[in-house]
Amino acid sequence: MLYTRLGGAGKVFFSNTLFDTTRANIEYSGATGIDLPIPENADTQSYHPFKGNLDVDKLKAGIAEWGADQVAAVVLTVTNNSGGGQPVSLANARAVADICKQNGIMFLLDACRVAENAWFVRHREPGNEQKSYRDIAQEMFALSDGAIMSAKKDGLVNMGGFLALRDLELAQACRTVLIITEGYSTYGGLSGRDMEAIATGLEEVFEPDYSIIGSAVPRTWVKS
């Protein structure tokens, strides 16, 4: 729904790495998707705490090349699933958000693993050690103009997801596209059981008792 509204011929989306279905929807609209991961992302033999980061210098260059008016949005995928599931730092998210604001460009989070990403931020990024996983995720969401989430990952459910936007007019326009793909929003979509499961999953995934499972993972795996 979102990329149908934002995309189109001549438009471009920048990302740390677009997920495969995200890229498919962007390209189906006629737009171009461009990945801008940091160089360390491609080096499997080196250690970097946040290999999922977006290269901000390349982003600035891309905006200059295409023109801010042609950039439909910058999509930050957390964690960077198609880039090896690598995490994104809060500092990187802030830098990307600042560049977008300076150029009047929409900043979106693809947040399907935002809780996992918050774990890495707390344990790897100095200054975040005392923050809760929920607070870290909320801080990242607060930087964005909107978010897309497949809840089948960190929502801990077998079905569902959501699109959240600050722009009410855009949200209503996206809802109109729903008529083509599913039906009017009043027709219902997910069952009440699935919607309640998402709400519960998004609460539970940030609880320390859940995240402690990750802290027991061997250090060699965490650094891969």
C-alpha atoms as a PDB file:
ATOM      1  CA  MET A   1       0.000   0.000   0.000  1.00  0.00           C
ATOM      2  CA  LEU A   2       2.723   2.444   0.992  1.00  0.00           C
ATOM      3  CA  TYR A   3       5.093   1.955  -1.916  1.00  0.00           C
ATOM      4  CA  THR A   4       2.248   2.195  -4.393  1.00  0.00           C
ATOM      5  CA  ARG A   5       1.566   5.679  -3.050  1.00  0.00           C
ATOM      6  CA  LEU A   6       5.156   6.854  -2.626  1.00  0.00           C
ATOM      7  CA  GLY A   7       6.771   5.189  -5.629  1.00  0.00           C
ATOM      8  CA  GLY A   8       6.400   5.519  -9.359  1.00  0.00           C
ATOM      9  CA  ALA A   9       8.609   6.058 -12.395  1.00  0.00           C
ATOM     10  CA  GLY A  10      11.561   8.331 -11.709  1.00  0.00           C
ATOM     11  CA  LYS A  11      11.401   7.901  -7.930  1.00  0.00           C
ATOM     12  CA  VAL A  12      14.164   6.334  -5.838  1.00  0.00           C
ATOM     13  CA  PHE A  13      14.284   4.683  -2.425  1.00  0.00           C
ATOM     14  CA  PHE A  14      17.552   4.474  -0.489  1.00  0.00           C
ATOM     15  CA  SER A  15      18.178   1.873   2.198  1.00  0.00           C
ATOM     16  CA  ASN A  16      20.853   0.116   4.209  1.00  0.00           C
ATOM     17  CA  THR A  17      19.508  -2.977   2.379  1.00  0.00           C
ATOM     18  CA  LEU A  18      15.957  -3.410   1.137  1.00  0.00           C
ATOM     19  CA  PHE A  19      14.238  -6.662   2.073  1.00  0.00           C
ATOM     20  CA  ASP A  20      13.344  -8.749  -0.984  1.00  0.00           C
ATOM     21  CA  THR A  21       9.576  -8.184  -0.877  1.00  0.00           C
ATOM     22  CA  THR A  22      10.112  -4.493  -0.138  1.00  0.00           C
ATOM     23  CA  ARG A  23      12.288  -4.172  -3.228  1.00  0.00           C
ATOM     24  CA  ALA A  24       9.737  -6.063  -5.286  1.00  0.00           C
ATOM     25  CA  ASN A  25       6.948  -3.653  -4.345  1.00  0.00           C
ATOM     26  CA  ILE A  26       9.155  -0.626  -4.961  1.00  0.00           C
ATOM     27  CA  GLU A  27      10.222  -1.836  -8.389  1.00  0.00           C
ATOM     28  CA  TYR A  28       6.677  -2.904  -9.288  1.00  0.00           C
ATOM     29  CA  SER A  29       5.628   0.735  -8.798  1.00  0.00           C
ATOM     30  CA  GLY A  30       8.254   1.776 -11.352  1.00  0.00           C
ATOM     31  CA  ALA A  31      10.632   3.240  -8.771  1.00  0.00           C
ATOM     32  CA  THR A  32      14.276   2.315  -8.156  1.00  0.00           C
ATOM     33  CA  GLY A  33      15.609   0.803  -4.934  1.00  0.00           C
ATOM     34  CA  ILE A  34      19.250   1.454  -4.057  1.00  0.00           C
ATOM     35  CA  ASP A  35      21.129  -0.235  -1.198  1.00  0.00           C
ATOM     36  CA  LEU A  36      23.761   1.804   0.663  1.00  0.00           C
ATOM     37  CA  PRO A  37      25.249  -0.450   3.378  1.00  0.00           C
ATOM     38  CA  ILE A  38      28.529   0.487   4.996  1.00  0.00           C
ATOM     39  CA  PRO A  39      31.592  -1.202   3.371  1.00  0.00           C
ATOM     40  CA  GLU A  40      32.159  -3.394   6.441  1.00  0.00           C
ATOM     41  CA  ASN A  41      28.885  -5.187   5.713  1.00  0.00           C
ATOM     42  CA  ALA A  42      30.500  -7.052   2.819  1.00  0.00           C
ATOM     43  CA  ASP A  43      33.599  -8.091   4.776  1.00  0.00           C
ATOM     44  CA  THR A  44      32.749 -11.363   6.492  1.00  0.00           C
ATOM     45  CA  GLN A  45      36.202 -11.635   8.079  1.00  0.00           C
ATOM     46  CA  SER A  46      36.131  -8.364  10.016  1.00  0.00           C
ATOM     47  CA  TYR A  47      34.301  -7.392  13.185  1.00  0.00           C
ATOM     48  CA  HIS A  48      32.125  -4.297  13.328  1.00  0.00           C
ATOM     49  CA  PRO A  49      29.471  -3.848  16.052  1.00  0.00           C
ATOM     50  CA  PHE A  50      26.886  -2.457  13.626  1.00  0.00           C
ATOM     51  CA  LYS A  51      27.404  -3.875  10.172  1.00  0.00           C
ATOM     52  CA  GLY A  52      23.768  -3.122   9.381  1.00  0.00           C
ATOM     53  CA  ASN A  53      24.356   0.639   9.309  1.00  0.00           C
ATOM     54  CA  LEU A  54      23.510   2.780   6.298  1.00  0.00           C
ATOM     55  CA  ASP A  55      26.453   4.631   4.744  1.00  0.00           C
ATOM     56  CA  VAL A  56      25.565   8.273   5.409  1.00  0.00           C
ATOM     57  CA  ASP A  57      28.191   9.643   3.014  1.00  0.00           C
ATOM     58  CA  LYS A  58      26.760   7.564   0.173  1.00  0.00           C
ATOM     59  CA  LEU A  59      23.287   8.708   1.163  1.00  0.00           C
ATOM     60  CA  LYS A  60      24.291  12.354   0.879  1.00  0.00           C
ATOM     61  CA  ALA A  61      25.896  11.649  -2.497  1.00  0.00           C
ATOM     62  CA  GLY A  62      22.812   9.777  -3.698  1.00  0.00           C
ATOM     63  CA  ILE A  63      20.505  12.619  -2.726  1.00  0.00           C
ATOM     64  CA  ALA A  64      22.768  15.076  -4.544  1.00  0.00           C
ATOM     65  CA  GLU A  65      22.783  12.870  -7.643  1.00  0.00           C
ATOM     66  CA  TRP A  66      19.049  12.167  -7.843  1.00  0.00           C
ATOM     67  CA  GLY A  67      17.740  15.344  -6.260  1.00  0.00           C
ATOM     68  CA  ALA A  68      15.771  15.397  -3.009  1.00  0.00           C
ATOM     69  CA  ASP A  69      12.456  15.781  -4.861  1.00  0.00           C
ATOM     70  CA  GLN A  70      12.960  12.398  -6.541  1.00  0.00           C
ATOM     71  CA  VAL A  71      13.779  10.536  -3.335  1.00  0.00           C
ATOM     72  CA  ALA A  72      10.502   8.953  -2.233  1.00  0.00           C
ATOM     73  CA  ALA A  73      11.883   7.767   1.112  1.00  0.00           C
ATOM     74  CA  VAL A  74      14.865   6.399   2.963  1.00  0.00           C
ATOM     75  CA  VAL A  75      14.121   2.969   4.448  1.00  0.00           C
ATOM     76  CA  LEU A  76      16.232   1.812   7.394  1.00  0.00           C
ATOM     77  CA  THR A  77      15.842  -1.932   7.963  1.00  0.00           C
ATOM     78  CA  VAL A  78      16.429  -2.941  11.606  1.00  0.00           C
ATOM     79  CA  THR A  79      18.013  -5.378  11.829  1.00  0.00           C
ATOM     80  CA  ASN A  80      19.422  -5.399   8.328  1.00  0.00           C
ATOM     81  CA  ASN A  81      17.957  -8.786   7.347  1.00  0.00           C
ATOM     82  CA  SER A  82      19.115  -8.970   3.745  1.00  0.00           C
ATOM     83  CA  GLY A  83      22.485  -7.660   4.898  1.00  0.00           C
ATOM     84  CA  GLY A  84      23.120 -10.705   7.066  1.00  0.00           C
ATOM     85  CA  GLY A  85      20.763  -9.807   9.919  1.00  0.00           C
ATOM     86  CA  GLN A  86      23.241  -7.228  11.183  1.00  0.00           C
ATOM     87  CA  PRO A  87      22.165  -4.522  13.685  1.00  0.00           C
ATOM     88  CA  VAL A  88      21.877  -0.765  13.193  1.00  0.00           C
ATOM     89  CA  SER A  89      23.135   1.697  15.802  1.00  0.00           C
ATOM     90  CA  LEU A  90      21.032   4.471  17.302  1.00  0.00           C
ATOM     91  CA  ALA A  91      23.711   6.932  16.216  1.00  0.00           C
ATOM     92  CA  ASN A  92      23.311   5.792  12.612  1.00  0.00           C
ATOM     93  CA  ALA A  93      19.523   6.077  12.813  1.00  0.00           C
ATOM     94  CA  ARG A  94      19.878   9.630  14.175  1.00  0.00           C
ATOM     95  CA  ALA A  95      22.301  10.586  11.412  1.00  0.00           C
ATOM     96  CA  VAL A  96      19.989   9.209   8.708  1.00  0.00           C
ATOM     97  CA  ALA A  97      16.981  10.960  10.263  1.00  0.00           C
ATOM     98  CA  ASP A  98      18.877  14.282  10.344  1.00  0.00           C
ATOM     99  CA  ILE A  99      19.833  14.000   6.665  1.00  0.00           C
ATOM    100  CA  CYS A 100      16.227  13.230   5.743  1.00  0.00           C
ATOM    101  CA  LYS A 101      14.904  16.207   7.721  1.00  0.00           C
ATOM    102  CA  GLN A 102      17.447  18.546   6.173  1.00  0.00           C
ATOM    103  CA  ASN A 103      16.311  17.483   2.701  1.00  0.00           C
ATOM    104  CA  GLY A 104      12.575  17.102   3.326  1.00  0.00           C
ATOM    105  CA  ILE A 105      12.677  13.341   2.695  1.00  0.00           C
ATOM    106  CA  MET A 106      10.489  10.747   4.393  1.00  0.00           C
ATOM    107  CA  PHE A 107      12.346   8.472   6.816  1.00  0.00           C
ATOM    108  CA  LEU A 108      10.847   4.996   7.290  1.00  0.00           C
ATOM    109  CA  LEU A 109      11.738   2.077   9.541  1.00  0.00           C
ATOM    110  CA  ASP A 110      11.351  -1.495   8.363  1.00  0.00           C
ATOM    111  CA  ALA A 111      11.101  -2.696  11.946  1.00  0.00           C
ATOM    112  CA  CYS A 112      10.426  -6.420  11.806  1.00  0.00           C
ATOM    113  CA  ARG A 113      13.338  -7.143  14.178  1.00  0.00           C
ATOM    114  CA  VAL A 114      13.420  -3.900  16.144  1.00  0.00           C
ATOM    115  CA  ALA A 115      13.530  -5.705  19.518  1.00  0.00           C
ATOM    116  CA  GLU A 116      16.515  -7.797  18.454  1.00  0.00           C
ATOM    117  CA  ASN A 117      18.159  -4.615  17.211  1.00  0.00           C
ATOM    118  CA  ALA A 118      17.502  -2.950  20.576  1.00  0.00           C
ATOM    119  CA  TRP A 119      19.331  -5.811  22.288  1.00  0.00           C
ATOM    120  CA  PHE A 120      22.432  -5.152  20.202  1.00  0.00           C
ATOM    121  CA  VAL A 121      22.226  -1.398  20.828  1.00  0.00           C
ATOM    122  CA  ARG A 122      22.073  -1.877  24.583  1.00  0.00           C
ATOM    123  CA  HIS A 123      24.971  -4.331  24.664  1.00  0.00           C
ATOM    124  CA  ARG A 124      27.203  -2.815  21.965  1.00  0.00           C
ATOM    125  CA  GLU A 125      26.599   0.933  21.703  1.00  0.00           C
ATOM    126  CA  PRO A 126      28.156   3.015  24.515  1.00  0.00           C
ATOM    127  CA  GLY A 127      25.703   5.208  26.397  1.00  0.00           C
ATOM    128  CA  ASN A 128      22.771   2.820  26.111  1.00  0.00           C
ATOM    129  CA  GLU A 129      23.690   0.276  28.771  1.00  0.00           C
ATOM    130  CA  GLN A 130      21.119   1.511  31.283  1.00  0.00           C
ATOM    131  CA  LYS A 131      18.230   1.879  28.848  1.00  0.00           C
ATOM    132  CA  SER A 132      15.513  -0.725  28.566  1.00  0.00           C
ATOM    133  CA  TYR A 133      15.055  -2.542  25.265  1.00  0.00           C
ATOM    134  CA  ARG A 134      11.650  -0.915  24.925  1.00  0.00           C
ATOM    135  CA  ASP A 135      13.091   2.585  25.450  1.00  0.00           C
ATOM    136  CA  ILE A 136      15.750   1.996  22.805  1.00  0.00           C
ATOM    137  CA  ALA A 137      13.133   0.834  20.291  1.00  0.00           C
ATOM    138  CA  GLN A 138      10.862   3.787  21.104  1.00  0.00           C
ATOM    139  CA  GLU A 139      13.769   6.172  20.623  1.00  0.00           C
ATOM    140  CA  MET A 140      14.364   4.735  17.168  1.00  0.00           C
ATOM    141  CA  PHE A 141      10.679   4.865  16.235  1.00  0.00           C
ATOM    142  CA  ALA A 142      10.539   8.500  17.400  1.00  0.00           C
ATOM    143  CA  LEU A 143      13.124   9.426  14.764  1.00  0.00           C
ATOM    144  CA  SER A 144      10.986   8.146  11.910  1.00  0.00           C
ATOM    145  CA  ASP A 145       8.058   9.446   9.861  1.00  0.00           C
ATOM    146  CA  GLY A 146       6.564   5.984   9.710  1.00  0.00           C
ATOM    147  CA  ALA A 147       7.220   2.289  10.117  1.00  0.00           C
ATOM    148  CA  ILE A 148       6.377  -1.000   8.483  1.00  0.00           C
ATOM    149  CA  MET A 149       6.553  -4.206  10.483  1.00  0.00           C
ATOM    150  CA  SER A 150       6.019  -7.836   9.681  1.00  0.00           C
ATOM    151  CA  ALA A 151       4.955  -9.026  13.114  1.00  0.00           C
ATOM    152  CA  LYS A 152       5.892 -12.621  12.279  1.00  0.00           C
ATOM    153  CA  LYS A 153       9.389 -11.839  13.556  1.00  0.00           C
ATOM    154  CA  ASP A 154       9.654  -9.747  16.719  1.00  0.00           C
ATOM    155  CA  GLY A 155       5.882  -9.621  17.083  1.00  0.00           C
ATOM    156  CA  LEU A 156       6.168 -13.304  18.009  1.00  0.00           C
ATOM    157  CA  VAL A 157       3.075 -14.279  16.018  1.00  0.00           C
ATOM    158  CA  ASN A 158       2.339 -16.507  13.043  1.00  0.00           C
ATOM    159  CA  MET A 159       0.421 -13.887  11.059  1.00  0.00           C
ATOM    160  CA  GLY A 160       0.059 -10.140  10.663  1.00  0.00           C
ATOM    161  CA  GLY A 161       1.857  -6.838  10.723  1.00  0.00           C
ATOM    162  CA  PHE A 162       1.204  -3.126  10.514  1.00  0.00           C
ATOM    163  CA  LEU A 163       1.909   0.158   8.774  1.00  0.00           C
ATOM    164  CA  ALA A 164       2.155   3.236  11.026  1.00  0.00           C
ATOM    165  CA  LEU A 165       2.402   6.792   9.645  1.00  0.00           C
ATOM    166  CA  ARG A 166       2.524  10.265  11.160  1.00  0.00           C
ATOM    167  CA  ASP A 167       0.966  11.821   8.042  1.00  0.00           C
ATOM    168  CA  LEU A 168      -2.807  11.300   8.338  1.00  0.00           C
ATOM    169  CA  GLU A 169      -3.438  12.212   4.699  1.00  0.00           C
ATOM    170  CA  LEU A 170      -0.919   9.632   3.506  1.00  0.00           C
ATOM    171  CA  ALA A 171      -2.365   7.037   5.879  1.00  0.00           C
ATOM    172  CA  GLN A 172      -5.832   7.595   4.446  1.00  0.00           C
ATOM    173  CA  ALA A 173      -4.457   7.352   0.902  1.00  0.00           C
ATOM    174  CA  CYS A 174      -2.809   4.023   1.759  1.00  0.00           C
ATOM    175  CA  ARG A 175      -6.070   2.787   3.251  1.00  0.00           C
ATOM    176  CA  THR A 176      -7.712   3.457  -0.102  1.00  0.00           C
ATOM    177  CA  VAL A 177      -5.239   1.093  -1.796  1.00  0.00           C
ATOM    178  CA  LEU A 178      -6.405  -1.587   0.646  1.00  0.00           C
ATOM    179  CA  ILE A 179      -9.683  -1.717  -1.276  1.00  0.00           C
ATOM    180  CA  ILE A 180      -7.819  -3.182  -4.262  1.00  0.00           C
ATOM    181  CA  THR A 181      -5.765  -5.697  -2.312  1.00  0.00           C
ATOM    182  CA  GLU A 182      -8.169  -6.828   0.383  1.00  0.00           C
ATOM    183  CA  GLY A 183     -11.320  -4.752   0.751  1.00  0.00           C
ATOM    184  CA  TYR A 184     -12.541  -1.842   2.845  1.00  0.00           C
ATOM    185  CA  SER A 185     -10.939  -1.571   6.270  1.00  0.00           C
ATOM    186  CA  THR A 186     -14.410  -2.034   7.776  1.00  0.00           C
ATOM    187  CA  TYR A 187     -14.612  -5.483   6.174  1.00  0.00           C
ATOM    188  CA  GLY A 188     -12.064  -6.784   8.624  1.00  0.00           C
ATOM    189  CA  GLY A 189      -8.670  -8.263   7.937  1.00  0.00           C
ATOM    190  CA  LEU A 190      -6.857 -10.163  10.647  1.00  0.00           C
ATOM    191  CA  SER A 191      -9.012 -12.005  13.126  1.00  0.00           C
ATOM    192  CA  GLY A 192      -9.406 -10.489  16.571  1.00  0.00           C
ATOM    193  CA  ARG A 193      -7.324 -13.325  17.980  1.00  0.00           C
ATOM    194  CA  ASP A 194      -4.378 -12.492  15.707  1.00  0.00           C
ATOM    195  CA  MET A 195      -4.577  -8.764  16.456  1.00  0.00           C
ATOM    196  CA  GLU A 196      -4.562  -9.475  20.184  1.00  0.00           C
ATOM    197  CA  ALA A 197      -1.606 -11.831  19.713  1.00  0.00           C
ATOM    198  CA  ILE A 198       0.364  -9.050  17.982  1.00  0.00           C
ATOM    199  CA  ALA A 199      -0.409  -6.610  20.805  1.00  0.00           C
ATOM    200  CA  THR A 200       0.743  -9.154  23.378  1.00  0.00           C
ATOM    201  CA  GLY A 201       3.803 -10.184  21.392  1.00  0.00           C
ATOM    202  CA  LEU A 202       5.021  -6.600  21.062  1.00  0.00           C
ATOM    203  CA  GLU A 203       4.802  -6.285  24.847  1.00  0.00           C
ATOM    204  CA  GLU A 204       6.499  -9.570  25.674  1.00  0.00           C
ATOM    205  CA  VAL A 205       9.369  -9.320  23.195  1.00  0.00           C
ATOM    206  CA  PHE A 206      10.859  -6.372  25.109  1.00  0.00           C
ATOM    207  CA  GLU A 207      10.741  -8.056  28.506  1.00  0.00           C
ATOM    208  CA  PRO A 208      14.186  -8.796  30.007  1.00  0.00           C
ATOM    209  CA  ASP A 209      13.178 -12.397  30.716  1.00  0.00           C
ATOM    210  CA  TYR A 210      12.712 -12.911  26.981  1.00  0.00           C
ATOM    211  CA  SER A 211      15.846 -11.053  25.864  1.00  0.00           C
ATOM    212  CA  ILE A 212      18.076 -12.952  28.298  1.00  0.00           C
ATOM    213  CA  ILE A 213      17.900 -15.866  25.872  1.00  0.00           C
ATOM    214  CA  GLY A 214      19.975 -13.781  23.448  1.00  0.00           C
ATOM    215  CA  SER A 215      22.518 -12.825  26.107  1.00  0.00           C
ATOM    216  CA  ALA A 216      23.360 -16.506  26.546  1.00  0.00           C
ATOM    217  CA  VAL A 217      24.324 -16.886  22.882  1.00  0.00           C
ATOM    218  CA  PRO A 218      28.040 -17.722  22.405  1.00  0.00           C
ATOM    219  CA  ARG A 219      30.156 -14.625  21.830  1.00  0.00           C
ATOM    220  CA  THR A 220      31.528 -16.008  18.563  1.00  0.00           C
ATOM    221  CA  TRP A 221      27.986 -16.113  17.137  1.00  0.00           C
ATOM    222  CA  VAL A 222      27.075 -12.623  18.350  1.00  0.00           C
ATOM    223  CA  LYS A 223      30.147 -11.173  16.635  1.00  0.00           C
ATOM    224  CA  SER A 224      29.625 -12.950  13.310  1.00  0.00           C
END
